[in-house]
Each structure stands twice: as structure tokens, then as C-alpha cells.
Protein backbone atom coordinates (compact mmCIF):
# COMPACT_ATOMS: atom_id res chain seq x y z
CA UNK A 1 2.97 -16.40 68.40
CA UNK A 2 2.69 -13.38 66.18
CA UNK A 3 0.24 -13.27 63.52
CA UNK A 4 1.77 -13.27 59.85
CA UNK A 5 1.04 -10.07 58.35
CA UNK A 6 -0.79 -10.31 54.64
CA UNK A 7 1.76 -8.96 52.01
CA UNK A 8 0.68 -5.21 50.97
CA UNK A 9 -2.03 -5.40 48.13
CA UNK A 10 -0.81 -4.80 44.50
CA UNK A 11 -2.01 -1.41 43.28
CA UNK A 12 -4.92 -1.79 41.13
CA UNK A 13 -4.28 -1.32 37.65
CA UNK A 14 -5.29 1.86 36.30
CA UNK A 15 -7.86 1.92 33.30
CA UNK A 16 -7.09 4.67 30.58
CA UNK A 17 -10.22 6.01 28.79
CA UNK A 18 -8.79 5.74 24.78
CA UNK A 19 -9.09 9.15 23.17
CA UNK A 20 -9.78 7.35 19.84
CA UNK A 21 -8.30 6.17 17.14
CA UNK A 22 -4.55 7.83 16.37
CA UNK A 23 -4.33 10.49 13.30
CA UNK A 24 -2.34 7.50 11.62
CA UNK A 25 -5.03 4.81 12.03
CA UNK A 26 -7.74 7.64 10.83
CA UNK A 27 -5.41 8.21 7.74
CA UNK A 28 -5.29 4.55 6.81
CA UNK A 29 -7.86 2.81 4.25
CA UNK A 30 -6.93 -0.52 2.65
CA UNK A 31 -8.95 -2.65 -0.07
CA UNK A 32 -11.25 -5.13 1.15
CA UNK A 33 -10.05 -7.62 -1.55
CA UNK A 34 -7.49 -10.18 -0.07
CA UNK A 35 -6.17 -10.88 -3.58
CA UNK A 36 -5.64 -7.18 -4.38
CA UNK A 37 -4.04 -6.52 -1.29
CA UNK A 38 -1.73 -9.65 -1.73
CA UNK A 39 -1.07 -8.08 -5.23
CA UNK A 40 -0.23 -4.84 -3.54
CA UNK A 41 2.11 -6.65 -1.00
CA UNK A 42 3.95 -8.51 -3.68
CA UNK A 43 4.24 -5.25 -5.83
CA UNK A 44 5.89 -3.55 -2.45
CA UNK A 45 8.07 -6.22 -1.86
CA UNK A 46 9.64 -6.37 -5.29
CA UNK A 47 10.05 -2.41 -4.92
CA UNK A 48 11.95 -2.76 -1.70
CA UNK A 49 14.16 -5.49 -3.86
CA UNK A 50 14.33 -2.72 -6.35
CA UNK A 51 13.75 -5.76 -8.81
CA UNK A 52 12.22 -3.19 -11.46
CA UNK A 53 11.82 -6.23 -13.96
CA UNK A 54 9.69 -8.35 -11.74
CA UNK A 55 7.65 -5.17 -10.90
CA UNK A 56 6.80 -3.89 -13.96
CA UNK A 57 5.96 -7.53 -15.07
CA UNK A 58 3.60 -8.04 -12.17
CA UNK A 59 1.83 -4.50 -12.55
CA UNK A 60 1.52 -3.31 -16.24
CA UNK A 61 -2.06 -4.37 -18.01
CA UNK A 62 -2.47 -7.75 -19.22
CA UNK A 63 -3.12 -6.73 -22.71
CA UNK A 64 0.31 -4.42 -22.81
CA UNK A 65 2.16 -5.39 -25.86
CA UNK A 66 5.76 -7.04 -24.68
CA UNK A 67 7.55 -4.13 -26.78
CA UNK A 68 5.56 -1.75 -24.60
CA UNK A 69 6.01 -3.47 -21.47
CA UNK A 70 10.03 -3.74 -22.15
CA UNK A 71 9.57 0.21 -23.48
CA UNK A 72 8.43 1.26 -19.73
CA UNK A 73 10.88 -1.15 -17.87
CA UNK A 74 13.80 0.68 -19.98
CA UNK A 75 12.05 4.00 -18.67
CA UNK A 76 12.17 2.82 -14.98
CA UNK A 77 15.86 1.66 -15.89
CA UNK A 78 17.59 3.69 -17.88
CA UNK A 79 15.75 7.19 -18.83
CA UNK A 80 17.30 9.95 -17.31
CA UNK A 81 14.56 10.50 -14.67
CA UNK A 82 14.29 6.72 -14.01
CA UNK A 83 15.28 6.80 -10.35
CA UNK A 84 12.71 9.43 -9.40
CA UNK A 85 10.03 7.80 -11.67
CA UNK A 86 10.75 4.29 -9.98
CA UNK A 87 10.90 6.20 -6.59
CA UNK A 88 7.53 7.73 -6.74
CA UNK A 89 5.63 4.76 -8.38
CA UNK A 90 7.18 2.61 -5.72
CA UNK A 91 6.21 4.91 -3.01
CA UNK A 92 2.67 4.90 -4.34
CA UNK A 93 2.07 1.34 -4.32
CA UNK A 94 3.80 1.04 -0.91
CA UNK A 95 1.68 3.90 0.40
CA UNK A 96 -2.01 2.23 -0.97
CA UNK A 97 -0.71 -1.44 -0.07
CA UNK A 98 -0.58 0.10 3.83
CA UNK A 99 -3.55 2.44 3.33
CA UNK A 100 -1.73 5.58 4.13
CA UNK A 101 -3.22 8.68 2.81
CA UNK A 102 -5.97 6.73 0.88
CA UNK A 103 -8.95 8.80 0.90
CA UNK A 104 -11.04 6.73 -0.67
CA UNK A 105 -11.72 3.65 -2.73
CA UNK A 106 -13.86 3.44 -5.63
CA UNK A 107 -15.18 0.47 -7.35
CA UNK A 108 -16.34 -3.00 -6.29
CA UNK A 109 -12.71 -4.29 -5.47
CA UNK A 110 -13.68 -7.60 -6.96
CA UNK A 111 -12.91 -6.39 -10.61
CA UNK A 112 -12.04 -3.16 -10.18
CA UNK A 113 -10.66 -0.42 -7.57
CA UNK A 114 -9.98 2.93 -7.95
CA UNK A 115 -7.12 4.45 -4.89
CA UNK A 116 -7.70 7.87 -4.22
CA UNK A 117 -4.99 9.18 -2.00
CA UNK A 118 -2.33 11.98 -1.46
CA UNK A 119 1.23 11.31 -2.89
CA UNK A 120 3.50 10.01 -0.04
CA UNK A 121 6.36 12.20 -1.29
CA UNK A 122 4.18 15.42 -2.24
CA UNK A 123 1.69 16.26 0.14
CA UNK A 124 0.00 18.83 -1.97
CA UNK A 125 -0.36 16.18 -4.96
CA UNK A 126 -3.69 13.80 -4.88
CA UNK A 127 -3.29 10.98 -7.32
CA UNK A 128 -5.50 8.08 -8.12
CA UNK A 129 -4.58 4.68 -9.28
CA UNK A 130 -6.92 2.15 -10.90
CA UNK A 131 -6.44 -1.55 -10.86
CA UNK A 132 -8.70 -4.11 -12.57
CA UNK A 133 -9.01 -7.96 -12.02
CA UNK A 134 -8.88 -10.21 -15.14
CA UNK A 135 -9.01 -13.86 -14.84
CA UNK A 136 -7.87 -13.58 -10.95
CA UNK A 137 -4.90 -11.13 -11.76
CA UNK A 138 -5.00 -7.59 -10.48
CA UNK A 139 -3.24 -4.82 -12.74
CA UNK A 140 -2.86 -1.51 -13.05
CA UNK A 141 -5.52 -0.10 -15.61
CA UNK A 142 -3.63 1.20 -18.51
């Protein structure tokens, strides 16, 4: 009887050399603080829901008076430029949450962090946003 032929060998998988991190990966720098990252993620979530009140109450400094907090919320809700201000603010928070365009982060990232980044909507605009942690709660620095 004829000998059974072996099936053809599967072609060897080609190994590709990495050309290194992508431009997007190189342009990404996130906080090392899990609690600050959680705050940024929560703010981004509130922004995606267009929950301006929830966002403001999670974002403003803890020592901001309730009257000033309400005034800030009104500015982001009813002022003539409210939608533009809201879009700019929330795009900045989403960018630093994802680490997009962040050039550096100063501070110990335990009690304070300052993000230096390129504004996601205005590429020629360099921005900086500061957060401080008080009693375990991260807030924008006033």
C-alpha cells in the first residue's frame, strides 16, 4: 500500500520587528496616582453625560463657597459662551485623563499635580491645569 503523505508544513509565522512606540503612544503621559486618575475618569464620564452640575461639584476647589460654585455652574450653563467654555473645559479634562498631548506632570501626584499639555481643540495653545488632594479628594486648584 502506498505510504501516507505528510500534510504540507504550515508556513512559519513571520516575526515583524517593532518600529517602536507609535506617535500616539509617545504623546501620552498619564498620572501615576490611581486616585487622581479615578477622579479624571469620573469627570470625563460626567462630561460625556453633559452633567454640568455633577461635573462642577466634583471639580471645583473644596473651599469654594456654595455661591461661587453656583455662579461657576451658571456660567457653564447659561452664559452666552457657556457651550464653548464647557466644550473647552471638558476636552481638556478628557485629554489629561487619557494622557493625550500631556508634555509633563509636575508635583508629587500624591498631594498635588500640575499637567502641562497642548489644548486638544487648539493645537497652538499650551495649557496647564493644577489639582490638589485634600483629605483624599482631588480637586482643581483655585
